[in-house]
């Protein structure tokens, strides 16, 4: 079993107020803080503290992409019976080392408040000193190991310790990814329409005729109506843009060895429960990310295909409607033109016939009278 003892400079110092001045006490505190908080260059620690930077699981949302974890299975964790540190020591996550617990009079206040209950040896407690002095660490103030009285929170007994943790298995995740894509398409359509139109026209005509040497003229007017039915064909081209969605679900499992590698953890490292929890968190994040990546590309292809199909369909429908409108307008215009033309022709013919008939009748009357 590997054992890591504090270096000589990091050994707890016993501060006796009865034999040291205030300045000497402060100097001793500074020396102890520097020696305990400085990382050891000679030894590689086997005790791993949480690494917030490495375990960041913050994700950046991508426009047009939606993902949902439909199921997940975390790494397996168990707390063993083994202690992280041997009896009489406590684990300092700042230096990632086991530190011998302080004796009576030991300056314990420069440790973070959450550790101060473990700094002093059994039967003592870490009690704040009078005054408003504060250390640089949040919540750290001058304090010393003093006898623990009834009702106070005493340091843990020798039988208590922070147990080692073990992590095994795989972190698995199933992720459903939906990707929205947009596409543009062009389409051309032809349409033939039929239209009916009616028109009225008036015409006036003058005719001169000779009969038996007698010449006569007459002027007459006539009205006519005509209804025309005409077909016309038109072409139209339309451009349309549409969106399409692609949804794919993928499952991925990440073994514990990959999680250890990502965090720089050796398989022989001793794990605290806090680090084990972070490994589980990291494993979940890695599995979700891998499953998302696996589904993303396929969902994108599916979304683009659907978008292209939707855009093509929409462009065709728009082209059909535009061609239909153009053909109807064209047919209506031609029908009106044809109806007017034929109505005018009818009126002119009727007026000429009437004028001719009137002139002929006039000439006949004149001849008879003569």
Foldseek 3Di string as FASTA:
>chain_A
DDADAQDPQQAFDADDPVVDDPVRVVVSVVSNCVRNLDADPVDDALEADDDCVLLDLDDDDDPQKDKDWPDKDFWDKDFDPAFPHAFQWAAQNNRNHTYGADEFRTWQQVHPPVCQLARHAFQWHWAADDDDDADPDPPRHTTTTHGDDPPDRHRDHRSDHFTWMDTFDKIKIKMKMKGKDKDKDKDKDKDKDKDKDKDKDKDKDKDWDADPNFIFMFIFMFMFMFMFMFMFMFMFMFMFMFMFMFMDMFMDIGTLVVLCVSVVRDPPRTYTPNVNVSSRSSRNSVNSVVRCVVGVVVRVVRGVVRNVVVNHVVRHVVRVVVRVVVRHVVNHVVRHVVRHVVRHVVRHVVRVVVRVVVRVVVNVVVVVVD
